[in-house]
Amino acid sequence: MKLVWERERVTVRDVYQALLEKRKVAYTTVMTMMNILEQKGHLSKESGDKAFVYTPTRSQRDVTRHLVGDFIERVFNGSVEPLFAHLIKDHPLSRQEIEEIERLLKERKS
């Protein structure tokens, strides 16, 4: 999905070639995954010159919001506090990250 969001219009071959730069993957695996994403409504598909062209149907922000919300609900019973506690304890934050979190919290209070 990241590649589709970045490029906005892709073919299976586009995604396959981009993934090959990072790791070995079968073309049929990419094709299957894109078909599944299309069936689930995350991608739309239209005929191109030689291949189907896929476009995202939902923004990255919307998908991320849904996935994170679902994760918090399933893993932390809907509470954000244990997730923050885990992230702060187990993943060192840079000064810049702390400042950004503080800014977001202040913005949220307003």
PDB file of N, CA and C in Angstrom:
ATOM      1  N   MET A   1       0.816  -1.191   0.000  1.00  0.00           N
ATOM      2  CA  MET A   1       0.000   0.000   0.000  1.00  0.00           C
ATOM      3  C   MET A   1       0.863   1.258   0.000  1.00  0.00           C
ATOM      4  N   LYS A   2       2.016   1.207   0.674  1.00  0.00           N
ATOM      5  CA  LYS A   2       2.864   2.398   0.711  1.00  0.00           C
ATOM      6  C   LYS A   2       3.233   2.848  -0.701  1.00  0.00           C
ATOM      7  N   LEU A   3       3.588   1.891  -1.539  1.00  0.00           N
ATOM      8  CA  LEU A   3       3.962   2.230  -2.912  1.00  0.00           C
ATOM      9  C   LEU A   3       2.782   2.808  -3.685  1.00  0.00           C
ATOM     10  N   VAL A   4       1.613   2.266  -3.473  1.00  0.00           N
ATOM     11  CA  VAL A   4       0.432   2.765  -4.168  1.00  0.00           C
ATOM     12  C   VAL A   4       0.134   4.194  -3.716  1.00  0.00           C
ATOM     13  N   TRP A   5       0.218   4.442  -2.404  1.00  0.00           N
ATOM     14  CA  TRP A   5      -0.012   5.800  -1.915  1.00  0.00           C
ATOM     15  C   TRP A   5       1.029   6.770  -2.461  1.00  0.00           C
ATOM     16  N   GLU A   6       2.293   6.338  -2.512  1.00  0.00           N
ATOM     17  CA  GLU A   6       3.365   7.209  -3.001  1.00  0.00           C
ATOM     18  C   GLU A   6       3.187   7.540  -4.474  1.00  0.00           C
ATOM     19  N   ARG A   7       2.864   6.531  -5.275  1.00  0.00           N
ATOM     20  CA  ARG A   7       2.820   6.706  -6.734  1.00  0.00           C
ATOM     21  C   ARG A   7       1.420   7.011  -7.266  1.00  0.00           C
ATOM     22  N   GLU A   8       0.413   6.732  -6.489  1.00  0.00           N
ATOM     23  CA  GLU A   8      -0.992   6.996  -6.795  1.00  0.00           C
ATOM     24  C   GLU A   8      -1.594   6.104  -7.872  1.00  0.00           C
ATOM     25  N   ARG A   9      -0.841   5.730  -8.885  1.00  0.00           N
ATOM     26  CA  ARG A   9      -1.315   4.821  -9.937  1.00  0.00           C
ATOM     27  C   ARG A   9      -0.194   3.823 -10.232  1.00  0.00           C
ATOM     28  N   VAL A  10      -0.480   2.543 -10.047  1.00  0.00           N
ATOM     29  CA  VAL A  10       0.546   1.521 -10.250  1.00  0.00           C
ATOM     30  C   VAL A  10      -0.038   0.279 -10.914  1.00  0.00           C
ATOM     31  N   THR A  11       0.850  -0.480 -11.510  1.00  0.00           N
ATOM     32  CA  THR A  11       0.505  -1.812 -12.004  1.00  0.00           C
ATOM     33  C   THR A  11       1.135  -2.821 -11.049  1.00  0.00           C
ATOM     34  N   VAL A  12       0.760  -4.065 -11.209  1.00  0.00           N
ATOM     35  CA  VAL A  12       1.391  -5.113 -10.398  1.00  0.00           C
ATOM     36  C   VAL A  12       2.893  -5.116 -10.662  1.00  0.00           C
ATOM     37  N   ARG A  13       3.288  -4.960 -11.916  1.00  0.00           N
ATOM     38  CA  ARG A  13       4.719  -4.953 -12.265  1.00  0.00           C
ATOM     39  C   ARG A  13       5.452  -3.812 -11.573  1.00  0.00           C
ATOM     40  N   ASP A  14       4.843  -2.632 -11.492  1.00  0.00           N
ATOM     41  CA  ASP A  14       5.466  -1.498 -10.790  1.00  0.00           C
ATOM     42  C   ASP A  14       5.789  -1.871  -9.349  1.00  0.00           C
ATOM     43  N   VAL A  15       4.807  -2.440  -8.674  1.00  0.00           N
ATOM     44  CA  VAL A  15       4.982  -2.811  -7.261  1.00  0.00           C
ATOM     45  C   VAL A  15       5.998  -3.924  -7.144  1.00  0.00           C
ATOM     46  N   TYR A  16       5.895  -4.920  -8.009  1.00  0.00           N
ATOM     47  CA  TYR A  16       6.824  -6.054  -8.001  1.00  0.00           C
ATOM     48  C   TYR A  16       8.266  -5.573  -8.145  1.00  0.00           C
ATOM     49  N   GLN A  17       8.528  -4.714  -9.120  1.00  0.00           N
ATOM     50  CA  GLN A  17       9.903  -4.236  -9.352  1.00  0.00           C
ATOM     51  C   GLN A  17      10.413  -3.398  -8.184  1.00  0.00           C
ATOM     52  N   ALA A  18       9.556  -2.595  -7.593  1.00  0.00           N
ATOM     53  CA  ALA A  18       9.976  -1.794  -6.438  1.00  0.00           C
ATOM     54  C   ALA A  18      10.292  -2.692  -5.245  1.00  0.00           C
ATOM     55  N   LEU A  19       9.483  -3.723  -5.026  1.00  0.00           N
ATOM     56  CA  LEU A  19       9.736  -4.636  -3.905  1.00  0.00           C
ATOM     57  C   LEU A  19      11.001  -5.462  -4.119  1.00  0.00           C
ATOM     58  N   LEU A  20      11.297  -5.821  -5.363  1.00  0.00           N
ATOM     59  CA  LEU A  20      12.503  -6.601  -5.657  1.00  0.00           C
ATOM     60  C   LEU A  20      13.778  -5.879  -5.241  1.00  0.00           C
ATOM     61  N   GLU A  21      13.746  -4.565  -5.236  1.00  0.00           N
ATOM     62  CA  GLU A  21      14.921  -3.794  -4.821  1.00  0.00           C
ATOM     63  C   GLU A  21      15.228  -3.996  -3.343  1.00  0.00           C
ATOM     64  N   LYS A  22      14.207  -4.378  -2.561  1.00  0.00           N
ATOM     65  CA  LYS A  22      14.376  -4.548  -1.124  1.00  0.00           C
ATOM     66  C   LYS A  22      14.482  -6.007  -0.701  1.00  0.00           C
ATOM     67  N   ARG A  23      13.738  -6.888  -1.383  1.00  0.00           N
ATOM     68  CA  ARG A  23      13.745  -8.301  -1.010  1.00  0.00           C
ATOM     69  C   ARG A  23      13.213  -9.147  -2.147  1.00  0.00           C
ATOM     70  N   LYS A  24      13.500 -10.426  -2.080  1.00  0.00           N
ATOM     71  CA  LYS A  24      13.031 -11.352  -3.099  1.00  0.00           C
ATOM     72  C   LYS A  24      11.542 -11.625  -2.864  1.00  0.00           C
ATOM     73  N   VAL A  25      10.761 -11.476  -3.927  1.00  0.00           N
ATOM     74  CA  VAL A  25       9.328 -11.708  -3.838  1.00  0.00           C
ATOM     75  C   VAL A  25       8.854 -12.217  -5.197  1.00  0.00           C
ATOM     76  N   ALA A  26       7.875 -13.090  -5.189  1.00  0.00           N
ATOM     77  CA  ALA A  26       7.346 -13.642  -6.434  1.00  0.00           C
ATOM     78  C   ALA A  26       6.318 -12.684  -7.028  1.00  0.00           C
ATOM     79  N   TYR A  27       6.315 -12.576  -8.336  1.00  0.00           N
ATOM     80  CA  TYR A  27       5.350 -11.732  -9.031  1.00  0.00           C
ATOM     81  C   TYR A  27       3.926 -12.152  -8.682  1.00  0.00           C
ATOM     82  N   THR A  28       3.687 -13.451  -8.639  1.00  0.00           N
ATOM     83  CA  THR A  28       2.335 -13.946  -8.344  1.00  0.00           C
ATOM     84  C   THR A  28       1.890 -13.578  -6.927  1.00  0.00           C
ATOM     85  N   THR A  29       2.830 -13.495  -6.009  1.00  0.00           N
ATOM     86  CA  THR A  29       2.504 -13.083  -4.638  1.00  0.00           C
ATOM     87  C   THR A  29       2.020 -11.635  -4.623  1.00  0.00           C
ATOM     88  N   VAL A  30       2.724 -10.768  -5.344  1.00  0.00           N
ATOM     89  CA  VAL A  30       2.334  -9.362  -5.426  1.00  0.00           C
ATOM     90  C   VAL A  30       0.956  -9.250  -6.083  1.00  0.00           C
ATOM     91  N   MET A  31       0.754  -9.998  -7.161  1.00  0.00           N
ATOM     92  CA  MET A  31      -0.524  -9.967  -7.862  1.00  0.00           C
ATOM     93  C   MET A  31      -1.662 -10.426  -6.942  1.00  0.00           C
ATOM     94  N   THR A  32      -1.431 -11.496  -6.202  1.00  0.00           N
ATOM     95  CA  THR A  32      -2.442 -12.003  -5.275  1.00  0.00           C
ATOM     96  C   THR A  32      -2.772 -10.976  -4.204  1.00  0.00           C
ATOM     97  N   MET A  33      -1.752 -10.360  -3.620  1.00  0.00           N
ATOM     98  CA  MET A  33      -1.974  -9.375  -2.558  1.00  0.00           C
ATOM     99  C   MET A  33      -2.738  -8.156  -3.093  1.00  0.00           C
ATOM    100  N   MET A  34      -2.402  -7.717  -4.282  1.00  0.00           N
ATOM    101  CA  MET A  34      -3.099  -6.562  -4.843  1.00  0.00           C
ATOM    102  C   MET A  34      -4.553  -6.905  -5.168  1.00  0.00           C
ATOM    103  N   ASN A  35      -4.790  -8.120  -5.615  1.00  0.00           N
ATOM    104  CA  ASN A  35      -6.174  -8.552  -5.856  1.00  0.00           C
ATOM    105  C   ASN A  35      -6.966  -8.616  -4.557  1.00  0.00           C
ATOM    106  N   ILE A  36      -6.336  -9.097  -3.495  1.00  0.00           N
ATOM    107  CA  ILE A  36      -6.998  -9.155  -2.184  1.00  0.00           C
ATOM    108  C   ILE A  36      -7.315  -7.738  -1.703  1.00  0.00           C
ATOM    109  N   LEU A  37      -6.345  -6.822  -1.844  1.00  0.00           N
ATOM    110  CA  LEU A  37      -6.572  -5.429  -1.429  1.00  0.00           C
ATOM    111  C   LEU A  37      -7.694  -4.789  -2.247  1.00  0.00           C
ATOM    112  N   GLU A  38      -7.785  -5.162  -3.504  1.00  0.00           N
ATOM    113  CA  GLU A  38      -8.866  -4.643  -4.351  1.00  0.00           C
ATOM    114  C   GLU A  38     -10.214  -5.227  -3.912  1.00  0.00           C
ATOM    115  N   GLN A  39     -10.253  -6.523  -3.617  1.00  0.00           N
ATOM    116  CA  GLN A  39     -11.490  -7.172  -3.156  1.00  0.00           C
ATOM    117  C   GLN A  39     -11.965  -6.597  -1.820  1.00  0.00           C
ATOM    118  N   LYS A  40     -11.020  -6.217  -0.966  1.00  0.00           N
ATOM    119  CA  LYS A  40     -11.372  -5.651   0.337  1.00  0.00           C
ATOM    120  C   LYS A  40     -11.725  -4.167   0.245  1.00  0.00           C
ATOM    121  N   GLY A  41     -11.576  -3.591  -0.933  1.00  0.00           N
ATOM    122  CA  GLY A  41     -11.958  -2.202  -1.122  1.00  0.00           C
ATOM    123  C   GLY A  41     -10.865  -1.186  -0.862  1.00  0.00           C
ATOM    124  N   HIS A  42      -9.629  -1.630  -0.690  1.00  0.00           N
ATOM    125  CA  HIS A  42      -8.520  -0.699  -0.442  1.00  0.00           C
ATOM    126  C   HIS A  42      -7.938  -0.138  -1.736  1.00  0.00           C
ATOM    127  N   LEU A  43      -8.131  -0.875  -2.829  1.00  0.00           N
ATOM    128  CA  LEU A  43      -7.650  -0.443  -4.140  1.00  0.00           C
ATOM    129  C   LEU A  43      -8.788  -0.512  -5.141  1.00  0.00           C
ATOM    130  N   SER A  44      -8.711   0.343  -6.158  1.00  0.00           N
ATOM    131  CA  SER A  44      -9.615   0.193  -7.292  1.00  0.00           C
ATOM    132  C   SER A  44      -8.748  -0.184  -8.488  1.00  0.00           C
ATOM    133  N   LYS A  45      -9.379  -0.867  -9.450  1.00  0.00           N
ATOM    134  CA  LYS A  45      -8.623  -1.400 -10.585  1.00  0.00           C
ATOM    135  C   LYS A  45      -9.330  -0.990 -11.874  1.00  0.00           C
ATOM    136  N   GLU A  46      -8.537  -0.524 -12.832  1.00  0.00           N
ATOM    137  CA  GLU A  46      -9.091  -0.193 -14.149  1.00  0.00           C
ATOM    138  C   GLU A  46      -8.138  -0.704 -15.221  1.00  0.00           C
ATOM    139  N   SER A  47      -8.657  -0.965 -16.387  1.00  0.00           N
ATOM    140  CA  SER A  47      -7.829  -1.450 -17.495  1.00  0.00           C
ATOM    141  C   SER A  47      -6.929  -0.339 -17.996  1.00  0.00           C
ATOM    142  N   GLY A  48      -5.649  -0.675 -18.135  1.00  0.00           N
ATOM    143  CA  GLY A  48      -4.682   0.241 -18.716  1.00  0.00           C
ATOM    144  C   GLY A  48      -4.350  -0.226 -20.121  1.00  0.00           C
ATOM    145  N   ASP A  49      -3.270   0.291 -20.682  1.00  0.00           N
ATOM    146  CA  ASP A  49      -2.872  -0.107 -22.035  1.00  0.00           C
ATOM    147  C   ASP A  49      -2.567  -1.599 -22.124  1.00  0.00           C
ATOM    148  N   LYS A  50      -1.730  -2.078 -21.207  1.00  0.00           N
ATOM    149  CA  LYS A  50      -1.327  -3.481 -21.249  1.00  0.00           C
ATOM    150  C   LYS A  50      -1.617  -4.219 -19.958  1.00  0.00           C
ATOM    151  N   ALA A  51      -1.960  -3.487 -18.914  1.00  0.00           N
ATOM    152  CA  ALA A  51      -2.168  -4.116 -17.609  1.00  0.00           C
ATOM    153  C   ALA A  51      -3.177  -3.316 -16.807  1.00  0.00           C
ATOM    154  N   PHE A  52      -3.697  -3.930 -15.765  1.00  0.00           N
ATOM    155  CA  PHE A  52      -4.587  -3.216 -14.863  1.00  0.00           C
ATOM    156  C   PHE A  52      -3.797  -2.153 -14.113  1.00  0.00           C
ATOM    157  N   VAL A  53      -4.436  -1.024 -13.874  1.00  0.00           N
ATOM    158  CA  VAL A  53      -3.835   0.062 -13.108  1.00  0.00           C
ATOM    159  C   VAL A  53      -4.617   0.175 -11.803  1.00  0.00           C
ATOM    160  N   TYR A  54      -3.892   0.168 -10.697  1.00  0.00           N
ATOM    161  CA  TYR A  54      -4.504   0.220  -9.363  1.00  0.00           C
ATOM    162  C   TYR A  54      -4.309   1.599  -8.760  1.00  0.00           C
ATOM    163  N   THR A  55      -5.341   2.064  -8.063  1.00  0.00           N
ATOM    164  CA  THR A  55      -5.269   3.328  -7.328  1.00  0.00           C
ATOM    165  C   THR A  55      -5.838   3.105  -5.928  1.00  0.00           C
ATOM    166  N   PRO A  56      -5.367   3.872  -4.951  1.00  0.00           N
ATOM    167  CA  PRO A  56      -5.903   3.703  -3.588  1.00  0.00           C
ATOM    168  C   PRO A  56      -7.320   4.262  -3.497  1.00  0.00           C
ATOM    169  N   THR A  57      -8.153   3.622  -2.698  1.00  0.00           N
ATOM    170  CA  THR A  57      -9.514   4.120  -2.486  1.00  0.00           C
ATOM    171  C   THR A  57      -9.628   4.860  -1.160  1.00  0.00           C
ATOM    172  N   ARG A  58      -8.653   4.653  -0.287  1.00  0.00           N
ATOM    173  CA  ARG A  58      -8.639   5.312   1.025  1.00  0.00           C
ATOM    174  C   ARG A  58      -7.264   5.902   1.252  1.00  0.00           C
ATOM    175  N   SER A  59      -7.221   7.031   1.932  1.00  0.00           N
ATOM    176  CA  SER A  59      -5.944   7.697   2.192  1.00  0.00           C
ATOM    177  C   SER A  59      -5.130   6.909   3.221  1.00  0.00           C
ATOM    178  N   GLN A  60      -3.836   7.132   3.196  1.00  0.00           N
ATOM    179  CA  GLN A  60      -2.956   6.489   4.167  1.00  0.00           C
ATOM    180  C   GLN A  60      -3.361   6.879   5.580  1.00  0.00           C
ATOM    181  N   ARG A  61      -3.737   8.117   5.759  1.00  0.00           N
ATOM    182  CA  ARG A  61      -4.148   8.590   7.085  1.00  0.00           C
ATOM    183  C   ARG A  61      -5.384   7.838   7.576  1.00  0.00           C
ATOM    184  N   ASP A  62      -6.379   7.648   6.707  1.00  0.00           N
ATOM    185  CA  ASP A  62      -7.594   6.930   7.095  1.00  0.00           C
ATOM    186  C   ASP A  62      -7.305   5.477   7.457  1.00  0.00           C
ATOM    187  N   VAL A  63      -6.485   4.828   6.652  1.00  0.00           N
ATOM    188  CA  VAL A  63      -6.144   3.423   6.911  1.00  0.00           C
ATOM    189  C   VAL A  63      -5.346   3.309   8.205  1.00  0.00           C
ATOM    190  N   THR A  64      -4.380   4.195   8.396  1.00  0.00           N
ATOM    191  CA  THR A  64      -3.572   4.173   9.619  1.00  0.00           C
ATOM    192  C   THR A  64      -4.450   4.398  10.845  1.00  0.00           C
ATOM    193  N   ARG A  65      -5.340   5.380  10.764  1.00  0.00           N
ATOM    194  CA  ARG A  65      -6.245   5.670  11.877  1.00  0.00           C
ATOM    195  C   ARG A  65      -7.070   4.430  12.231  1.00  0.00           C
ATOM    196  N   HIS A  66      -7.600   3.759  11.222  1.00  0.00           N
ATOM    197  CA  HIS A  66      -8.416   2.557  11.455  1.00  0.00           C
ATOM    198  C   HIS A  66      -7.585   1.428  12.072  1.00  0.00           C
ATOM    199  N   LEU A  67      -6.399   1.177  11.505  1.00  0.00           N
ATOM    200  CA  LEU A  67      -5.560   0.082  12.007  1.00  0.00           C
ATOM    201  C   LEU A  67      -5.081   0.331  13.429  1.00  0.00           C
ATOM    202  N   VAL A  68      -4.651   1.555  13.712  1.00  0.00           N
ATOM    203  CA  VAL A  68      -4.173   1.882  15.060  1.00  0.00           C
ATOM    204  C   VAL A  68      -5.327   1.797  16.059  1.00  0.00           C
ATOM    205  N   GLY A  69      -6.475   2.328  15.675  1.00  0.00           N
ATOM    206  CA  GLY A  69      -7.640   2.246  16.554  1.00  0.00           C
ATOM    207  C   GLY A  69      -8.031   0.811  16.854  1.00  0.00           C
ATOM    208  N   ASP A  70      -8.015  -0.029  15.828  1.00  0.00           N
ATOM    209  CA  ASP A  70      -8.332  -1.446  16.006  1.00  0.00           C
ATOM    210  C   ASP A  70      -7.301  -2.124  16.906  1.00  0.00           C
ATOM    211  N   PHE A  71      -6.019  -1.801  16.698  1.00  0.00           N
ATOM    212  CA  PHE A  71      -4.947  -2.366  17.520  1.00  0.00           C
ATOM    213  C   PHE A  71      -5.118  -1.972  18.990  1.00  0.00           C
ATOM    214  N   ILE A  72      -5.374  -0.695  19.241  1.00  0.00           N
ATOM    215  CA  ILE A  72      -5.555  -0.217  20.622  1.00  0.00           C
ATOM    216  C   ILE A  72      -6.741  -0.917  21.273  1.00  0.00           C
ATOM    217  N   GLU A  73      -7.800  -1.087  20.520  1.00  0.00           N
ATOM    218  CA  GLU A  73      -8.995  -1.750  21.052  1.00  0.00           C
ATOM    219  C   GLU A  73      -8.706  -3.206  21.409  1.00  0.00           C
ATOM    220  N   ARG A  74      -8.058  -3.931  20.488  1.00  0.00           N
ATOM    221  CA  ARG A  74      -7.811  -5.365  20.700  1.00  0.00           C
ATOM    222  C   ARG A  74      -6.733  -5.641  21.747  1.00  0.00           C
ATOM    223  N   VAL A  75      -5.651  -4.884  21.703  1.00  0.00           N
ATOM    224  CA  VAL A  75      -4.498  -5.180  22.561  1.00  0.00           C
ATOM    225  C   VAL A  75      -4.590  -4.488  23.925  1.00  0.00           C
ATOM    226  N   PHE A  76      -5.110  -3.269  23.947  1.00  0.00           N
ATOM    227  CA  PHE A  76      -5.109  -2.474  25.182  1.00  0.00           C
ATOM    228  C   PHE A  76      -6.518  -2.142  25.684  1.00  0.00           C
ATOM    229  N   ASN A  77      -7.499  -2.911  25.227  1.00  0.00           N
ATOM    230  CA  ASN A  77      -8.896  -2.708  25.645  1.00  0.00           C
ATOM    231  C   ASN A  77      -9.358  -1.261  25.466  1.00  0.00           C
ATOM    232  N   GLY A  78      -8.888  -0.615  24.413  1.00  0.00           N
ATOM    233  CA  GLY A  78      -9.321   0.738  24.099  1.00  0.00           C
ATOM    234  C   GLY A  78      -8.585   1.851  24.816  1.00  0.00           C
ATOM    235  N   SER A  79      -7.638   1.510  25.683  1.00  0.00           N
ATOM    236  CA  SER A  79      -6.903   2.527  26.441  1.00  0.00           C
ATOM    237  C   SER A  79      -5.582   2.871  25.747  1.00  0.00           C
ATOM    238  N   VAL A  80      -5.339   4.147  25.556  1.00  0.00           N
ATOM    239  CA  VAL A  80      -4.114   4.610  24.900  1.00  0.00           C
ATOM    240  C   VAL A  80      -2.927   4.633  25.867  1.00  0.00           C
ATOM    241  N   GLU A  81      -3.194   4.839  27.148  1.00  0.00           N
ATOM    242  CA  GLU A  81      -2.122   5.004  28.148  1.00  0.00           C
ATOM    243  C   GLU A  81      -1.122   3.849  28.160  1.00  0.00           C
ATOM    244  N   PRO A  82      -1.550   2.568  28.164  1.00  0.00           N
ATOM    245  CA  PRO A  82      -0.547   1.498  28.175  1.00  0.00           C
ATOM    246  C   PRO A  82       0.309   1.471  26.906  1.00  0.00           C
ATOM    247  N   LEU A  83      -0.264   1.887  25.794  1.00  0.00           N
ATOM    248  CA  LEU A  83       0.508   1.948  24.548  1.00  0.00           C
ATOM    249  C   LEU A  83       1.596   3.010  24.659  1.00  0.00           C
ATOM    250  N   PHE A  84       1.233   4.203  25.130  1.00  0.00           N
ATOM    251  CA  PHE A  84       2.234   5.258  25.324  1.00  0.00           C
ATOM    252  C   PHE A  84       3.309   4.822  26.313  1.00  0.00           C
ATOM    253  N   ALA A  85       2.896   4.212  27.416  1.00  0.00           N
ATOM    254  CA  ALA A  85       3.855   3.769  28.431  1.00  0.00           C
ATOM    255  C   ALA A  85       4.846   2.783  27.814  1.00  0.00           C
ATOM    256  N   HIS A  86       4.354   1.851  27.042  1.00  0.00           N
ATOM    257  CA  HIS A  86       5.224   0.866  26.387  1.00  0.00           C
ATOM    258  C   HIS A  86       6.198   1.559  25.432  1.00  0.00           C
ATOM    259  N   LEU A  87       5.683   2.442  24.606  1.00  0.00           N
ATOM    260  CA  LEU A  87       6.536   3.120  23.629  1.00  0.00           C
ATOM    261  C   LEU A  87       7.611   3.955  24.305  1.00  0.00           C
ATOM    262  N   ILE A  88       7.257   4.660  25.361  1.00  0.00           N
ATOM    263  CA  ILE A  88       8.211   5.528  26.050  1.00  0.00           C
ATOM    264  C   ILE A  88       9.272   4.714  26.787  1.00  0.00           C
ATOM    265  N   LYS A  89       8.867   3.609  27.411  1.00  0.00           N
ATOM    266  CA  LYS A  89       9.819   2.788  28.163  1.00  0.00           C
ATOM    267  C   LYS A  89      10.741   1.984  27.262  1.00  0.00           C
ATOM    268  N   ASP A  90      10.205   1.426  26.184  1.00  0.00           N
ATOM    269  CA  ASP A  90      10.972   0.481  25.372  1.00  0.00           C
ATOM    270  C   ASP A  90      11.596   1.067  24.111  1.00  0.00           C
ATOM    271  N   HIS A  91      11.261   2.302  23.776  1.00  0.00           N
ATOM    272  CA  HIS A  91      11.790   2.909  22.560  1.00  0.00           C
ATOM    273  C   HIS A  91      12.282   4.318  22.887  1.00  0.00           C
ATOM    274  N   PRO A  92      13.602   4.484  22.988  1.00  0.00           N
ATOM    275  CA  PRO A  92      14.142   5.795  23.342  1.00  0.00           C
ATOM    276  C   PRO A  92      13.671   6.876  22.370  1.00  0.00           C
ATOM    277  N   LEU A  93      13.267   8.007  22.920  1.00  0.00           N
ATOM    278  CA  LEU A  93      12.806   9.130  22.112  1.00  0.00           C
ATOM    279  C   LEU A  93      13.887  10.192  22.042  1.00  0.00           C
ATOM    280  N   SER A  94      14.034  10.772  20.869  1.00  0.00           N
ATOM    281  CA  SER A  94      14.982  11.879  20.720  1.00  0.00           C
ATOM    282  C   SER A  94      14.358  13.140  21.322  1.00  0.00           C
ATOM    283  N   ARG A  95      15.170  14.125  21.550  1.00  0.00           N
ATOM    284  CA  ARG A  95      14.687  15.404  22.063  1.00  0.00           C
ATOM    285  C   ARG A  95      13.649  15.981  21.117  1.00  0.00           C
ATOM    286  N   GLN A  96      13.908  15.872  19.827  1.00  0.00           N
ATOM    287  CA  GLN A  96      12.990  16.393  18.812  1.00  0.00           C
ATOM    288  C   GLN A  96      11.634  15.662  18.869  1.00  0.00           C
ATOM    289  N   GLU A  97      11.650  14.352  19.057  1.00  0.00           N
ATOM    290  CA  GLU A  97      10.406  13.584  19.159  1.00  0.00           C
ATOM    291  C   GLU A  97       9.616  13.982  20.408  1.00  0.00           C
ATOM    292  N   ILE A  98      10.312  14.176  21.512  1.00  0.00           N
ATOM    293  CA  ILE A  98       9.654  14.597  22.754  1.00  0.00           C
ATOM    294  C   ILE A  98       9.005  15.965  22.570  1.00  0.00           C
ATOM    295  N   GLU A  99       9.734  16.877  21.946  1.00  0.00           N
ATOM    296  CA  GLU A  99       9.185  18.210  21.703  1.00  0.00           C
ATOM    297  C   GLU A  99       7.953  18.158  20.801  1.00  0.00           C
ATOM    298  N   GLU A 100       7.980  17.303  19.800  1.00  0.00           N
ATOM    299  CA  GLU A 100       6.833  17.163  18.903  1.00  0.00           C
ATOM    300  C   GLU A 100       5.631  16.586  19.637  1.00  0.00           C
ATOM    301  N   ILE A 101       5.855  15.604  20.501  1.00  0.00           N
ATOM    302  CA  ILE A 101       4.775  15.028  21.300  1.00  0.00           C
ATOM    303  C   ILE A 101       4.189  16.089  22.234  1.00  0.00           C
ATOM    304  N   GLU A 102       5.050  16.862  22.866  1.00  0.00           N
ATOM    305  CA  GLU A 102       4.583  17.944  23.743  1.00  0.00           C
ATOM    306  C   GLU A 102       3.756  18.962  22.958  1.00  0.00           C
ATOM    307  N   ARG A 103       4.201  19.300  21.757  1.00  0.00           N
ATOM    308  CA  ARG A 103       3.468  20.244  20.914  1.00  0.00           C
ATOM    309  C   ARG A 103       2.079  19.699  20.571  1.00  0.00           C
ATOM    310  N   LEU A 104       2.026  18.422  20.205  1.00  0.00           N
ATOM    311  CA  LEU A 104       0.746  17.799  19.859  1.00  0.00           C
ATOM    312  C   LEU A 104      -0.200  17.756  21.053  1.00  0.00           C
ATOM    313  N   LEU A 105       0.346  17.481  22.240  1.00  0.00           N
ATOM    314  CA  LEU A 105      -0.482  17.450  23.443  1.00  0.00           C
ATOM    315  C   LEU A 105      -1.030  18.839  23.775  1.00  0.00           C
ATOM    316  N   LYS A 106      -0.194  19.862  23.644  1.00  0.00           N
ATOM    317  CA  LYS A 106      -0.656  21.223  23.872  1.00  0.00           C
ATOM    318  C   LYS A 106      -1.735  21.617  22.873  1.00  0.00           C
ATOM    319  N   GLU A 107      -1.523  21.230  21.628  1.00  0.00           N
ATOM    320  CA  GLU A 107      -2.496  21.505  20.570  1.00  0.00           C
ATOM    321  C   GLU A 107      -3.821  20.801  20.866  1.00  0.00           C
ATOM    322  N   ARG A 108      -3.751  19.622  21.365  1.00  0.00           N
ATOM    323  CA  ARG A 108      -4.944  18.836  21.686  1.00  0.00           C
ATOM    324  C   ARG A 108      -5.752  19.491  22.818  1.00  0.00           C
ATOM    325  N   LYS A 109      -5.029  20.085  23.790  1.00  0.00           N
ATOM    326  CA  LYS A 109      -5.695  20.737  24.932  1.00  0.00           C
ATOM    327  C   LYS A 109      -6.444  21.989  24.495  1.00  0.00           C
ATOM    328  N   SER A 110      -5.947  22.641  23.463  1.00  0.00           N
ATOM    329  CA  SER A 110      -6.555  23.918  23.020  1.00  0.00           C
ATOM    330  C   SER A 110      -7.903  23.724  22.376  1.00  0.00           C
TER     331      SER A 110
END
